[in-house]
Structures are given as C-alpha cells and as structure tokens.
PDB file of N, CA and C in Angstrom:
ATOM      1  N   MET A   1     162.279   4.819 179.625  1.00  0.00           N
ATOM      2  CA  MET A   1     163.002   5.919 179.009  1.00  0.00           C
ATOM      3  C   MET A   1     164.171   6.302 179.909  1.00  0.00           C
ATOM      4  N   SER A   2     165.364   6.280 179.361  1.00  0.00           N
ATOM      5  CA  SER A   2     166.559   6.681 180.086  1.00  0.00           C
ATOM      6  C   SER A   2     166.779   8.183 179.868  1.00  0.00           C
ATOM      7  N   VAL A   3     166.836   8.925 180.962  1.00  0.00           N
ATOM      8  CA  VAL A   3     166.923  10.386 180.876  1.00  0.00           C
ATOM      9  C   VAL A   3     168.312  10.835 181.297  1.00  0.00           C
ATOM     10  N   LYS A   4     168.867  11.795 180.560  1.00  0.00           N
ATOM     11  CA  LYS A   4     170.176  12.342 180.865  1.00  0.00           C
ATOM     12  C   LYS A   4     170.092  13.855 180.998  1.00  0.00           C
ATOM     13  N   ILE A   5     170.972  14.386 181.834  1.00  0.00           N
ATOM     14  CA  ILE A   5     171.163  15.836 181.931  1.00  0.00           C
ATOM     15  C   ILE A   5     172.451  16.108 181.179  1.00  0.00           C
ATOM     16  N   ARG A   6     172.344  16.854 180.088  1.00  0.00           N
ATOM     17  CA  ARG A   6     173.529  17.072 179.262  1.00  0.00           C
ATOM     18  C   ARG A   6     173.520  18.449 178.628  1.00  0.00           C
ATOM     19  N   LEU A   7     174.600  18.752 177.891  1.00  0.00           N
ATOM     20  CA  LEU A   7     174.759  20.054 177.258  1.00  0.00           C
ATOM     21  C   LEU A   7     174.258  20.004 175.822  1.00  0.00           C
ATOM     22  N   GLN A   8     173.609  21.080 175.408  1.00  0.00           N
ATOM     23  CA  GLN A   8     173.148  21.226 174.036  1.00  0.00           C
ATOM     24  C   GLN A   8     173.855  22.447 173.467  1.00  0.00           C
ATOM     25  N   ARG A   9     174.628  22.260 172.397  1.00  0.00           N
ATOM     26  CA  ARG A   9     175.492  23.315 171.879  1.00  0.00           C
ATOM     27  C   ARG A   9     174.729  24.326 171.030  1.00  0.00           C
ATOM     28  N   PHE A  10     175.056  25.597 171.247  1.00  0.00           N
ATOM     29  CA  PHE A  10     174.557  26.701 170.452  1.00  0.00           C
ATOM     30  C   PHE A  10     175.732  27.627 170.179  1.00  0.00           C
ATOM     31  N   GLY A  11     175.510  28.668 169.421  1.00  0.00           N
ATOM     32  CA  GLY A  11     176.561  29.632 169.146  1.00  0.00           C
ATOM     33  C   GLY A  11     177.163  29.426 167.770  1.00  0.00           C
ATOM     34  N   THR A  12     178.147  30.245 167.467  1.00  0.00           N
ATOM     35  CA  THR A  12     178.790  30.171 166.169  1.00  0.00           C
ATOM     36  C   THR A  12     180.117  29.431 166.268  1.00  0.00           C
ATOM     37  N   LYS A  13     180.775  29.329 165.153  1.00  0.00           N
ATOM     38  CA  LYS A  13     182.070  28.652 165.103  1.00  0.00           C
ATOM     39  C   LYS A  13     183.058  29.364 166.031  1.00  0.00           C
ATOM     40  N   LYS A  14     183.670  28.615 166.899  1.00  0.00           N
ATOM     41  CA  LYS A  14     184.669  29.085 167.873  1.00  0.00           C
ATOM     42  C   LYS A  14     184.099  30.031 168.932  1.00  0.00           C
ATOM     43  N   ARG A  15     182.775  30.156 169.038  1.00  0.00           N
ATOM     44  CA  ARG A  15     182.122  30.968 170.072  1.00  0.00           C
ATOM     45  C   ARG A  15     180.948  30.189 170.641  1.00  0.00           C
ATOM     46  N   PRO A  16     181.213  29.033 171.260  1.00  0.00           N
ATOM     47  CA  PRO A  16     180.090  28.201 171.717  1.00  0.00           C
ATOM     48  C   PRO A  16     179.476  28.696 173.018  1.00  0.00           C
ATOM     49  N   PHE A  17     178.218  28.390 173.188  1.00  0.00           N
ATOM     50  CA  PHE A  17     177.576  28.432 174.496  1.00  0.00           C
ATOM     51  C   PHE A  17     176.624  27.253 174.533  1.00  0.00           C
ATOM     52  N   TYR A  18     176.310  26.811 175.721  1.00  0.00           N
ATOM     53  CA  TYR A  18     175.555  25.576 175.879  1.00  0.00           C
ATOM     54  C   TYR A  18     174.343  25.797 176.768  1.00  0.00           C
ATOM     55  N   ARG A  19     173.292  25.041 176.483  1.00  0.00           N
ATOM     56  CA  ARG A  19     172.144  24.963 177.379  1.00  0.00           C
ATOM     57  C   ARG A  19     172.268  23.651 178.132  1.00  0.00           C
ATOM     58  N   VAL A  20     171.974  23.672 179.415  1.00  0.00           N
ATOM     59  CA  VAL A  20     171.925  22.452 180.204  1.00  0.00           C
ATOM     60  C   VAL A  20     170.485  21.977 180.115  1.00  0.00           C
ATOM     61  N   VAL A  21     170.298  20.786 179.537  1.00  0.00           N
ATOM     62  CA  VAL A  21     168.959  20.295 179.260  1.00  0.00           C
ATOM     63  C   VAL A  21     168.777  18.874 179.782  1.00  0.00           C
ATOM     64  N   VAL A  22     167.520  18.516 179.984  1.00  0.00           N
ATOM     65  CA  VAL A  22     167.140  17.150 180.328  1.00  0.00           C
ATOM     66  C   VAL A  22     166.513  16.567 179.070  1.00  0.00           C
ATOM     67  N   MET A  23     167.046  15.426 178.622  1.00  0.00           N
ATOM     68  CA  MET A  23     166.523  14.808 177.415  1.00  0.00           C
ATOM     69  C   MET A  23     166.727  13.311 177.428  1.00  0.00           C
ATOM     70  N   ASP A  24     165.985  12.627 176.574  1.00  0.00           N
ATOM     71  CA  ASP A  24     166.106  11.185 176.433  1.00  0.00           C
ATOM     72  C   ASP A  24     167.506  10.875 175.910  1.00  0.00           C
ATOM     73  N   SER A  25     168.150   9.852 176.451  1.00  0.00           N
ATOM     74  CA  SER A  25     169.527   9.540 176.075  1.00  0.00           C
ATOM     75  C   SER A  25     169.650   9.034 174.649  1.00  0.00           C
ATOM     76  N   ARG A  26     168.558   8.601 174.046  1.00  0.00           N
ATOM     77  CA  ARG A  26     168.609   8.072 172.685  1.00  0.00           C
ATOM     78  C   ARG A  26     168.516   9.157 171.615  1.00  0.00           C
ATOM     79  N   THR A  27     168.179  10.385 171.984  1.00  0.00           N
ATOM     80  CA  THR A  27     168.050  11.454 170.992  1.00  0.00           C
ATOM     81  C   THR A  27     169.410  12.051 170.668  1.00  0.00           C
ATOM     82  N   LYS A  28     169.458  12.763 169.552  1.00  0.00           N
ATOM     83  CA  LYS A  28     170.684  13.435 169.139  1.00  0.00           C
ATOM     84  C   LYS A  28     170.986  14.600 170.080  1.00  0.00           C
ATOM     85  N   ARG A  29     172.191  15.112 169.990  1.00  0.00           N
ATOM     86  CA  ARG A  29     172.613  16.207 170.860  1.00  0.00           C
ATOM     87  C   ARG A  29     171.685  17.407 170.762  1.00  0.00           C
ATOM     88  N   ASP A  30     171.263  17.730 169.566  1.00  0.00           N
ATOM     89  CA  ASP A  30     170.384  18.881 169.352  1.00  0.00           C
ATOM     90  C   ASP A  30     168.941  18.452 169.116  1.00  0.00           C
ATOM     91  N   GLY A  31     168.542  17.318 169.657  1.00  0.00           N
ATOM     92  CA  GLY A  31     167.197  16.790 169.462  1.00  0.00           C
ATOM     93  C   GLY A  31     166.181  17.393 170.410  1.00  0.00           C
ATOM     94  N   ASP A  32     165.079  16.676 170.597  1.00  0.00           N
ATOM     95  CA  ASP A  32     163.974  17.155 171.425  1.00  0.00           C
ATOM     96  C   ASP A  32     164.365  17.213 172.900  1.00  0.00           C
ATOM     97  N   VAL A  33     164.006  18.297 173.545  1.00  0.00           N
ATOM     98  CA  VAL A  33     164.353  18.548 174.937  1.00  0.00           C
ATOM     99  C   VAL A  33     163.129  18.310 175.814  1.00  0.00           C
ATOM    100  N   VAL A  34     163.341  17.629 176.954  1.00  0.00           N
ATOM    101  CA  VAL A  34     162.260  17.449 177.917  1.00  0.00           C
ATOM    102  C   VAL A  34     162.107  18.722 178.746  1.00  0.00           C
ATOM    103  N   GLU A  35     163.244  19.238 179.249  1.00  0.00           N
ATOM    104  CA  GLU A  35     163.197  20.468 180.046  1.00  0.00           C
ATOM    105  C   GLU A  35     164.541  21.184 179.991  1.00  0.00           C
ATOM    106  N   PHE A  36     164.496  22.501 179.919  1.00  0.00           N
ATOM    107  CA  PHE A  36     165.672  23.369 179.955  1.00  0.00           C
ATOM    108  C   PHE A  36     165.944  23.725 181.412  1.00  0.00           C
ATOM    109  N   VAL A  37     167.157  23.448 181.914  1.00  0.00           N
ATOM    110  CA  VAL A  37     167.435  23.694 183.331  1.00  0.00           C
ATOM    111  C   VAL A  37     168.559  24.697 183.598  1.00  0.00           C
ATOM    112  N   GLY A  38     169.284  25.126 182.572  1.00  0.00           N
ATOM    113  CA  GLY A  38     170.346  26.092 182.828  1.00  0.00           C
ATOM    114  C   GLY A  38     171.145  26.398 181.583  1.00  0.00           C
ATOM    115  N   ARG A  39     172.292  27.079 181.781  1.00  0.00           N
ATOM    116  CA  ARG A  39     173.172  27.394 180.665  1.00  0.00           C
ATOM    117  C   ARG A  39     174.623  27.432 181.124  1.00  0.00           C
ATOM    118  N   TYR A  40     175.514  27.256 180.158  1.00  0.00           N
ATOM    119  CA  TYR A  40     176.944  27.255 180.419  1.00  0.00           C
ATOM    120  C   TYR A  40     177.619  28.020 179.292  1.00  0.00           C
ATOM    121  N   GLN A  41     178.395  29.059 179.645  1.00  0.00           N
ATOM    122  CA  GLN A  41     179.080  29.884 178.664  1.00  0.00           C
ATOM    123  C   GLN A  41     180.573  29.871 178.985  1.00  0.00           C
ATOM    124  N   PRO A  42     181.340  28.973 178.357  1.00  0.00           N
ATOM    125  CA  PRO A  42     182.754  28.849 178.693  1.00  0.00           C
ATOM    126  C   PRO A  42     183.622  30.015 178.245  1.00  0.00           C
ATOM    127  N   ILE A  43     183.174  30.820 177.318  1.00  0.00           N
ATOM    128  CA  ILE A  43     183.979  31.907 176.763  1.00  0.00           C
ATOM    129  C   ILE A  43     183.934  33.169 177.622  1.00  0.00           C
ATOM    130  N   VAL A  44     182.790  33.493 178.203  1.00  0.00           N
ATOM    131  CA  VAL A  44     182.624  34.758 178.918  1.00  0.00           C
ATOM    132  C   VAL A  44     183.312  34.736 180.276  1.00  0.00           C
ATOM    133  N   LYS A  45     183.643  35.918 180.746  1.00  0.00           N
ATOM    134  CA  LYS A  45     184.210  36.042 182.086  1.00  0.00           C
ATOM    135  C   LYS A  45     183.061  36.275 183.055  1.00  0.00           C
ATOM    136  N   GLY A  46     183.290  35.934 184.298  1.00  0.00           N
ATOM    137  CA  GLY A  46     182.233  36.099 185.288  1.00  0.00           C
ATOM    138  C   GLY A  46     181.466  34.813 185.486  1.00  0.00           C
ATOM    139  N   LYS A  47     180.158  34.931 185.632  1.00  0.00           N
ATOM    140  CA  LYS A  47     179.294  33.777 185.890  1.00  0.00           C
ATOM    141  C   LYS A  47     179.141  32.957 184.616  1.00  0.00           C
ATOM    142  N   GLN A  48     179.844  31.820 184.540  1.00  0.00           N
ATOM    143  CA  GLN A  48     179.808  30.985 183.343  1.00  0.00           C
ATOM    144  C   GLN A  48     178.715  29.928 183.392  1.00  0.00           C
ATOM    145  N   PHE A  49     178.407  29.429 184.585  1.00  0.00           N
ATOM    146  CA  PHE A  49     177.469  28.316 184.724  1.00  0.00           C
ATOM    147  C   PHE A  49     176.302  28.751 185.588  1.00  0.00           C
ATOM    148  N   GLU A  50     175.120  28.791 184.999  1.00  0.00           N
ATOM    149  CA  GLU A  50     173.905  29.147 185.726  1.00  0.00           C
ATOM    150  C   GLU A  50     172.907  28.023 185.543  1.00  0.00           C
ATOM    151  N   VAL A  51     172.348  27.543 186.660  1.00  0.00           N
ATOM    152  CA  VAL A  51     171.438  26.422 186.584  1.00  0.00           C
ATOM    153  C   VAL A  51     170.354  26.580 187.644  1.00  0.00           C
ATOM    154  N   ASP A  52     169.155  26.088 187.345  1.00  0.00           N
ATOM    155  CA  ASP A  52     168.058  26.099 188.305  1.00  0.00           C
ATOM    156  C   ASP A  52     168.247  24.884 189.214  1.00  0.00           C
ATOM    157  N   GLU A  53     168.722  25.136 190.413  1.00  0.00           N
ATOM    158  CA  GLU A  53     169.090  24.069 191.344  1.00  0.00           C
ATOM    159  C   GLU A  53     167.911  23.157 191.683  1.00  0.00           C
ATOM    160  N   GLU A  54     166.737  23.718 191.866  1.00  0.00           N
ATOM    161  CA  GLU A  54     165.564  22.915 192.221  1.00  0.00           C
ATOM    162  C   GLU A  54     165.200  21.929 191.113  1.00  0.00           C
ATOM    163  N   LYS A  55     165.243  22.388 189.865  1.00  0.00           N
ATOM    164  CA  LYS A  55     164.920  21.514 188.745  1.00  0.00           C
ATOM    165  C   LYS A  55     165.940  20.388 188.613  1.00  0.00           C
ATOM    166  N   VAL A  56     167.211  20.723 188.763  1.00  0.00           N
ATOM    167  CA  VAL A  56     168.259  19.707 188.636  1.00  0.00           C
ATOM    168  C   VAL A  56     168.124  18.658 189.727  1.00  0.00           C
ATOM    169  N   LEU A  57     167.916  19.081 190.961  1.00  0.00           N
ATOM    170  CA  LEU A  57     167.757  18.129 192.057  1.00  0.00           C
ATOM    171  C   LEU A  57     166.518  17.264 191.859  1.00  0.00           C
ATOM    172  N   LYS A  58     165.449  17.857 191.344  1.00  0.00           N
ATOM    173  CA  LYS A  58     164.226  17.087 191.074  1.00  0.00           C
ATOM    174  C   LYS A  58     164.502  15.981 190.059  1.00  0.00           C
ATOM    175  N   TRP A  59     165.208  16.316 188.976  1.00  0.00           N
ATOM    176  CA  TRP A  59     165.502  15.316 187.950  1.00  0.00           C
ATOM    177  C   TRP A  59     166.480  14.258 188.443  1.00  0.00           C
ATOM    178  N   LEU A  60     167.461  14.666 189.239  1.00  0.00           N
ATOM    179  CA  LEU A  60     168.410  13.685 189.778  1.00  0.00           C
ATOM    180  C   LEU A  60     167.701  12.699 190.702  1.00  0.00           C
ATOM    181  N   LYS A  61     166.767  13.198 191.501  1.00  0.00           N
ATOM    182  CA  LYS A  61     166.010  12.310 192.394  1.00  0.00           C
ATOM    183  C   LYS A  61     165.108  11.362 191.618  1.00  0.00           C
ATOM    184  N   GLN A  62     164.672  11.771 190.429  1.00  0.00           N
ATOM    185  CA  GLN A  62     163.835  10.916 189.594  1.00  0.00           C
ATOM    186  C   GLN A  62     164.648   9.913 188.784  1.00  0.00           C
ATOM    187  N   GLY A  63     165.975   9.995 188.864  1.00  0.00           N
ATOM    188  CA  GLY A  63     166.817   8.998 188.203  1.00  0.00           C
ATOM    189  C   GLY A  63     167.569   9.475 186.982  1.00  0.00           C
ATOM    190  N   ALA A  64     167.553  10.747 186.675  1.00  0.00           N
ATOM    191  CA  ALA A  64     168.295  11.251 185.521  1.00  0.00           C
ATOM    192  C   ALA A  64     169.792  11.165 185.792  1.00  0.00           C
ATOM    193  N   GLN A  65     170.552  10.773 184.778  1.00  0.00           N
ATOM    194  CA  GLN A  65     171.999  10.632 184.904  1.00  0.00           C
ATOM    195  C   GLN A  65     172.688  11.800 184.210  1.00  0.00           C
ATOM    196  N   PRO A  66     173.553  12.546 184.909  1.00  0.00           N
ATOM    197  CA  PRO A  66     174.284  13.626 184.251  1.00  0.00           C
ATOM    198  C   PRO A  66     175.466  13.080 183.455  1.00  0.00           C
ATOM    199  N   THR A  67     175.826  13.762 182.389  1.00  0.00           N
ATOM    200  CA  THR A  67     177.028  13.396 181.654  1.00  0.00           C
ATOM    201  C   THR A  67     178.240  13.792 182.493  1.00  0.00           C
ATOM    202  N   ASP A  68     179.416  13.357 182.082  1.00  0.00           N
ATOM    203  CA  ASP A  68     180.625  13.646 182.855  1.00  0.00           C
ATOM    204  C   ASP A  68     180.878  15.145 182.982  1.00  0.00           C
ATOM    205  N   THR A  69     180.672  15.878 181.899  1.00  0.00           N
ATOM    206  CA  THR A  69     180.897  17.324 181.924  1.00  0.00           C
ATOM    207  C   THR A  69     179.906  18.026 182.849  1.00  0.00           C
ATOM    208  N   VAL A  70     178.657  17.672 182.747  1.00  0.00           N
ATOM    209  CA  VAL A  70     177.637  18.294 183.597  1.00  0.00           C
ATOM    210  C   VAL A  70     177.876  17.926 185.055  1.00  0.00           C
ATOM    211  N   LYS A  71     178.282  16.698 185.317  1.00  0.00           N
ATOM    212  CA  LYS A  71     178.567  16.275 186.687  1.00  0.00           C
ATOM    213  C   LYS A  71     179.709  17.095 187.280  1.00  0.00           C
ATOM    214  N   ALA A  72     180.751  17.351 186.484  1.00  0.00           N
ATOM    215  CA  ALA A  72     181.874  18.176 186.948  1.00  0.00           C
ATOM    216  C   ALA A  72     181.422  19.604 187.243  1.00  0.00           C
ATOM    217  N   LEU A  73     180.550  20.156 186.391  1.00  0.00           N
ATOM    218  CA  LEU A  73     180.037  21.511 186.623  1.00  0.00           C
ATOM    219  C   LEU A  73     179.158  21.562 187.868  1.00  0.00           C
ATOM    220  N   LEU A  74     178.353  20.519 188.093  1.00  0.00           N
ATOM    221  CA  LEU A  74     177.513  20.466 189.287  1.00  0.00           C
ATOM    222  C   LEU A  74     178.358  20.348 190.547  1.00  0.00           C
ATOM    223  N   LYS A  75     179.447  19.598 190.479  1.00  0.00           N
ATOM    224  CA  LYS A  75     180.354  19.490 191.626  1.00  0.00           C
ATOM    225  C   LYS A  75     180.990  20.836 191.934  1.00  0.00           C
ATOM    226  N   LYS A  76     181.373  21.565 190.892  1.00  0.00           N
ATOM    227  CA  LYS A  76     182.001  22.872 191.079  1.00  0.00           C
ATOM    228  C   LYS A  76     181.042  23.861 191.745  1.00  0.00           C
ATOM    229  N   GLU A  77     179.746  23.770 191.418  1.00  0.00           N
ATOM    230  CA  GLU A  77     178.728  24.651 191.999  1.00  0.00           C
ATOM    231  C   GLU A  77     178.261  24.192 193.375  1.00  0.00           C
ATOM    232  N   GLY A  78     178.546  22.933 193.750  1.00  0.00           N
ATOM    233  CA  GLY A  78     178.132  22.417 195.041  1.00  0.00           C
ATOM    234  C   GLY A  78     176.774  21.730 195.031  1.00  0.00           C
ATOM    235  N   ILE A  79     176.164  21.613 193.868  1.00  0.00           N
ATOM    236  CA  ILE A  79     174.837  20.978 193.773  1.00  0.00           C
ATOM    237  C   ILE A  79     174.956  19.476 193.916  1.00  0.00           C
ATOM    238  N   TRP A  80     176.016  18.881 193.386  1.00  0.00           N
ATOM    239  CA  TRP A  80     176.192  17.432 193.479  1.00  0.00           C
ATOM    240  C   TRP A  80     176.342  16.988 194.930  1.00  0.00           C
ATOM    241  N   GLN A  81     177.009  17.795 195.761  1.00  0.00           N
ATOM    242  CA  GLN A  81     177.155  17.454 197.173  1.00  0.00           C
ATOM    243  C   GLN A  81     175.800  17.470 197.877  1.00  0.00           C
ATOM    244  N   LYS A  82     174.943  18.424 197.531  1.00  0.00           N
ATOM    245  CA  LYS A  82     173.601  18.484 198.122  1.00  0.00           C
ATOM    246  C   LYS A  82     172.797  17.245 197.744  1.00  0.00           C
ATOM    247  N   TYR A  83     172.935  16.820 196.500  1.00  0.00           N
ATOM    248  CA  TYR A  83     172.228  15.628 196.032  1.00  0.00           C
ATOM    249  C   TYR A  83     172.760  14.384 196.736  1.00  0.00           C
ATOM    250  N   SER A  84     174.076  14.271 196.865  1.00  0.00           N
ATOM    251  CA  SER A  84     174.687  13.102 197.517  1.00  0.00           C
ATOM    252  C   SER A  84     174.306  13.009 198.994  1.00  0.00           C
ATOM    253  N   SER A  85     174.270  14.139 199.667  1.00  0.00           N
ATOM    254  CA  SER A  85     173.939  14.138 201.089  1.00  0.00           C
ATOM    255  C   SER A  85     172.447  13.876 201.316  1.00  0.00           C
ATOM    256  N   ALA A  86     171.605  14.226 200.348  1.00  0.00           N
ATOM    257  CA  ALA A  86     170.163  14.012 200.477  1.00  0.00           C
ATOM    258  C   ALA A  86     169.783  12.562 200.218  1.00  0.00           C
ATOM    259  N   LYS A  87     170.667  11.812 199.571  1.00  0.00           N
ATOM    260  CA  LYS A  87     170.357  10.414 199.243  1.00  0.00           C
ATOM    261  C   LYS A  87     170.224   9.567 200.434  1.00  0.00           C
TER     262      LYS A  87
END
C-alpha cells in the first residue's frame, strides 16, 4: 500500500479549508482516511497551517510521501528540515 500525506478539501464554494490527512494514494481526494494529522486554512489570517508534528514525522519515517503542496507547507513550518536531519 502506497501512503500519501495530502490535503482533503472541505468548505463551500470560494471558501475552502483543508484537512491534512494520511491516505492510500489510490483513493479519491475525499475518500477513506487512514489518519487525520492537521488542517490548512488559506483564507483566514493568522495561523493558517496547524499540524501534529509527531504524527507527521511518524508517517514520514514509515515511508509516507507528501504531495508537493504539503511538502511546501511542511518546509515553511520547519518540520521537513527536522525529518531530513533525522534521516
């Protein structure tokens, strides 16, 4: 099973918010979730990206691949650097 860390879209038209989830790469965007690890709200001011760092690092160490968008958000938060240095 190939596992990805990706965004799952919620919200209304032109007011999106996303959950950062771990799921099988073969499922649809809004399909079955293995684990919920955070959220991303691009519209609001203030804290837009909140994620459980321990869960994300655990999944990355187990081989989960983040999508390009999630990888960019993890780099911005500094979590990707922690993962790279721990390797």
